[in-house]
Structure formats: C-alpha cells, structure tokens
Amino acid sequence: MEKFSERLKSALILRNMTAAELSRIIGVNEGTISNYKKGIYEPKQRRLESIANALHVSIPWLMGYDVPVTQSIE
C-alpha cells in the first residue's frame, strides 16, 4: 500500500497542480503541504476531504488503498 505522501505527489502530477496552488485552494500554509509531501505529517479528516476535493480524487485512494483514483458518480 502506498503512503499518503506518495499518493499526494502523484495526484499533484496527475492534476498538473503545484503544492503552492493546492495550498491556496484549500487555505493552508505551503509549508503544511510540503510536510505532507515529505511524509512528516498526515492531514486530519476535514483537511483530507479538502485535499481530495481540490485534486478530484477519492479519499481512500489518497490514503493509499487499492481503489480507483476517482469516485464513480451514479
């Protein structure tokens, strides 16, 4: 299972987004995103939801589970 930090980096590349852009979108310090990417910290639930929404990925995927990148909309 991949770590959150690895999935965050992958999602940023997938969405062609920088850490600075993500930090502005979700309203956190750029250093916080940097710490997430380095694996120093993992976000709490509310921030995890914000990150997943901003990157258009599913929360389980972002947390490293073997599920599709995006949630299917039915």
N, C-alpha and C. Protein backbone atom coordinates (compact mmCIF):
# COMPACT_ATOMS: atom_id res chain seq x y z
N MET A 1 0.85 -1.19 0.00
CA MET A 1 0.00 0.00 0.00
C MET A 1 0.89 1.24 0.00
N GLU A 2 0.61 2.14 -0.92
CA GLU A 2 1.38 3.38 -0.98
C GLU A 2 1.02 4.28 0.20
N LYS A 3 1.96 5.13 0.56
CA LYS A 3 1.73 6.08 1.64
C LYS A 3 0.97 7.29 1.12
N PHE A 4 0.35 8.02 2.07
CA PHE A 4 -0.37 9.24 1.72
C PHE A 4 0.55 10.20 0.96
N SER A 5 1.77 10.37 1.43
CA SER A 5 2.70 11.33 0.81
C SER A 5 2.94 10.98 -0.66
N GLU A 6 3.08 9.69 -0.96
CA GLU A 6 3.30 9.27 -2.34
C GLU A 6 2.08 9.53 -3.21
N ARG A 7 0.92 9.25 -2.65
CA ARG A 7 -0.32 9.49 -3.40
C ARG A 7 -0.56 10.98 -3.62
N LEU A 8 -0.21 11.80 -2.63
CA LEU A 8 -0.38 13.25 -2.78
C LEU A 8 0.50 13.75 -3.93
N LYS A 9 1.73 13.31 -3.97
CA LYS A 9 2.64 13.72 -5.06
C LYS A 9 2.08 13.26 -6.41
N SER A 10 1.59 12.03 -6.46
CA SER A 10 1.02 11.50 -7.71
C SER A 10 -0.19 12.31 -8.15
N ALA A 11 -1.05 12.66 -7.20
CA ALA A 11 -2.26 13.42 -7.53
C ALA A 11 -1.91 14.82 -8.03
N LEU A 12 -0.91 15.43 -7.43
CA LEU A 12 -0.49 16.76 -7.89
C LEU A 12 0.00 16.69 -9.33
N ILE A 13 0.77 15.66 -9.66
CA ILE A 13 1.25 15.49 -11.03
C ILE A 13 0.08 15.19 -11.96
N LEU A 14 -0.79 14.29 -11.54
CA LEU A 14 -1.95 13.91 -12.34
C LEU A 14 -2.82 15.12 -12.69
N ARG A 15 -2.99 16.01 -11.75
CA ARG A 15 -3.83 17.20 -11.95
C ARG A 15 -3.04 18.42 -12.42
N ASN A 16 -1.74 18.23 -12.67
CA ASN A 16 -0.89 19.31 -13.14
C ASN A 16 -1.00 20.54 -12.21
N MET A 17 -0.87 20.27 -10.91
CA MET A 17 -1.03 21.30 -9.90
C MET A 17 0.22 21.35 -9.03
N THR A 18 0.61 22.54 -8.63
CA THR A 18 1.75 22.68 -7.72
C THR A 18 1.26 22.65 -6.28
N ALA A 19 2.21 22.41 -5.38
CA ALA A 19 1.88 22.44 -3.96
C ALA A 19 1.38 23.82 -3.55
N ALA A 20 1.95 24.85 -4.17
CA ALA A 20 1.53 26.23 -3.86
C ALA A 20 0.08 26.46 -4.28
N GLU A 21 -0.29 25.95 -5.44
CA GLU A 21 -1.68 26.09 -5.90
C GLU A 21 -2.63 25.35 -4.96
N LEU A 22 -2.25 24.14 -4.58
CA LEU A 22 -3.09 23.37 -3.66
C LEU A 22 -3.24 24.10 -2.33
N SER A 23 -2.16 24.65 -1.83
CA SER A 23 -2.23 25.35 -0.54
C SER A 23 -3.17 26.54 -0.62
N ARG A 24 -3.16 27.27 -1.73
CA ARG A 24 -4.07 28.41 -1.90
C ARG A 24 -5.52 27.94 -1.99
N ILE A 25 -5.76 26.86 -2.72
CA ILE A 25 -7.12 26.36 -2.91
C ILE A 25 -7.74 25.92 -1.59
N ILE A 26 -6.97 25.21 -0.78
CA ILE A 26 -7.55 24.68 0.46
C ILE A 26 -7.30 25.59 1.67
N GLY A 27 -6.54 26.68 1.47
CA GLY A 27 -6.36 27.67 2.52
C GLY A 27 -5.43 27.27 3.64
N VAL A 28 -4.32 26.62 3.28
CA VAL A 28 -3.30 26.28 4.28
C VAL A 28 -1.95 26.83 3.85
N ASN A 29 -1.04 26.86 4.77
CA ASN A 29 0.31 27.31 4.51
C ASN A 29 1.00 26.33 3.55
N GLU A 30 1.81 26.84 2.66
CA GLU A 30 2.51 25.99 1.70
C GLU A 30 3.44 25.00 2.43
N GLY A 31 3.96 25.40 3.58
CA GLY A 31 4.81 24.53 4.37
C GLY A 31 4.06 23.29 4.85
N THR A 32 2.78 23.44 5.10
CA THR A 32 1.96 22.30 5.52
C THR A 32 1.90 21.26 4.41
N ILE A 33 1.68 21.71 3.19
CA ILE A 33 1.65 20.79 2.05
C ILE A 33 3.01 20.14 1.87
N SER A 34 4.06 20.91 2.05
CA SER A 34 5.42 20.38 1.95
C SER A 34 5.64 19.26 2.97
N ASN A 35 5.16 19.47 4.19
CA ASN A 35 5.29 18.45 5.23
C ASN A 35 4.49 17.20 4.90
N TYR A 36 3.34 17.37 4.26
CA TYR A 36 2.55 16.21 3.82
C TYR A 36 3.32 15.45 2.75
N LYS A 37 3.90 16.18 1.79
CA LYS A 37 4.64 15.53 0.70
C LYS A 37 5.87 14.80 1.22
N LYS A 38 6.49 15.32 2.25
CA LYS A 38 7.68 14.67 2.83
C LYS A 38 7.32 13.50 3.73
N GLY A 39 6.04 13.37 4.07
CA GLY A 39 5.61 12.29 4.95
C GLY A 39 5.81 12.59 6.42
N ILE A 40 6.06 13.85 6.75
CA ILE A 40 6.26 14.25 8.15
C ILE A 40 4.94 14.21 8.90
N TYR A 41 3.88 14.68 8.24
CA TYR A 41 2.54 14.69 8.83
C TYR A 41 1.54 14.12 7.84
N GLU A 42 0.40 13.68 8.36
CA GLU A 42 -0.76 13.33 7.54
C GLU A 42 -1.91 14.21 8.00
N PRO A 43 -2.78 14.60 7.07
CA PRO A 43 -3.86 15.51 7.44
C PRO A 43 -4.96 14.83 8.25
N LYS A 44 -5.64 15.64 9.04
CA LYS A 44 -6.84 15.18 9.75
C LYS A 44 -7.97 15.06 8.73
N GLN A 45 -9.09 14.49 9.14
CA GLN A 45 -10.19 14.16 8.24
C GLN A 45 -10.69 15.37 7.43
N ARG A 46 -10.94 16.50 8.07
CA ARG A 46 -11.50 17.65 7.35
C ARG A 46 -10.55 18.14 6.26
N ARG A 47 -9.26 18.21 6.59
CA ARG A 47 -8.30 18.67 5.60
C ARG A 47 -8.11 17.62 4.51
N LEU A 48 -8.17 16.37 4.87
CA LEU A 48 -8.07 15.29 3.89
C LEU A 48 -9.18 15.42 2.86
N GLU A 49 -10.39 15.71 3.33
CA GLU A 49 -11.52 15.91 2.42
C GLU A 49 -11.26 17.10 1.50
N SER A 50 -10.72 18.18 2.03
CA SER A 50 -10.42 19.37 1.22
C SER A 50 -9.39 19.05 0.14
N ILE A 51 -8.36 18.31 0.52
CA ILE A 51 -7.32 17.94 -0.44
C ILE A 51 -7.90 17.04 -1.53
N ALA A 52 -8.66 16.03 -1.14
CA ALA A 52 -9.26 15.11 -2.11
C ALA A 52 -10.19 15.86 -3.07
N ASN A 53 -10.99 16.77 -2.54
CA ASN A 53 -11.89 17.55 -3.39
C ASN A 53 -11.12 18.44 -4.35
N ALA A 54 -10.08 19.11 -3.86
CA ALA A 54 -9.30 20.01 -4.71
C ALA A 54 -8.59 19.25 -5.83
N LEU A 55 -8.16 18.02 -5.52
CA LEU A 55 -7.44 17.23 -6.51
C LEU A 55 -8.34 16.29 -7.30
N HIS A 56 -9.64 16.28 -6.98
CA HIS A 56 -10.61 15.43 -7.66
C HIS A 56 -10.20 13.96 -7.62
N VAL A 57 -9.85 13.50 -6.42
CA VAL A 57 -9.51 12.10 -6.19
C VAL A 57 -10.34 11.58 -5.02
N SER A 58 -10.44 10.28 -4.90
CA SER A 58 -11.18 9.71 -3.78
C SER A 58 -10.30 9.69 -2.53
N ILE A 59 -10.93 9.82 -1.39
CA ILE A 59 -10.19 9.79 -0.12
C ILE A 59 -9.50 8.44 0.08
N PRO A 60 -10.18 7.32 -0.14
CA PRO A 60 -9.48 6.03 0.04
C PRO A 60 -8.25 5.90 -0.85
N TRP A 61 -8.35 6.35 -2.09
CA TRP A 61 -7.19 6.30 -2.98
C TRP A 61 -6.07 7.15 -2.42
N LEU A 62 -6.41 8.36 -1.99
CA LEU A 62 -5.41 9.28 -1.46
C LEU A 62 -4.72 8.69 -0.22
N MET A 63 -5.44 7.90 0.53
CA MET A 63 -4.87 7.28 1.73
C MET A 63 -4.06 6.02 1.41
N GLY A 64 -4.03 5.63 0.14
CA GLY A 64 -3.16 4.54 -0.27
C GLY A 64 -3.85 3.22 -0.56
N TYR A 65 -5.16 3.18 -0.46
CA TYR A 65 -5.88 1.93 -0.73
C TYR A 65 -5.93 1.63 -2.22
N ASP A 66 -6.08 0.37 -2.54
CA ASP A 66 -6.13 -0.09 -3.91
C ASP A 66 -7.55 0.05 -4.46
N VAL A 67 -7.92 1.28 -4.74
CA VAL A 67 -9.24 1.62 -5.28
C VAL A 67 -9.03 2.60 -6.44
N PRO A 68 -10.08 2.83 -7.24
CA PRO A 68 -9.92 3.79 -8.35
C PRO A 68 -9.56 5.19 -7.84
N VAL A 69 -8.86 5.93 -8.68
CA VAL A 69 -8.42 7.28 -8.33
C VAL A 69 -9.59 8.17 -8.00
N THR A 70 -10.64 8.11 -8.81
CA THR A 70 -11.80 8.97 -8.60
C THR A 70 -13.00 8.14 -8.19
N GLN A 71 -13.89 8.77 -7.47
CA GLN A 71 -15.14 8.12 -7.07
C GLN A 71 -16.05 8.10 -8.28
N SER A 72 -16.76 6.98 -8.48
CA SER A 72 -17.73 6.95 -9.57
C SER A 72 -18.99 7.68 -9.11
N ILE A 73 -19.55 8.44 -10.02
CA ILE A 73 -20.77 9.21 -9.73
C ILE A 73 -21.94 8.47 -10.37
N GLU A 74 -22.87 8.08 -9.53
CA GLU A 74 -24.02 7.33 -10.05
C GLU A 74 -25.26 8.15 -9.96
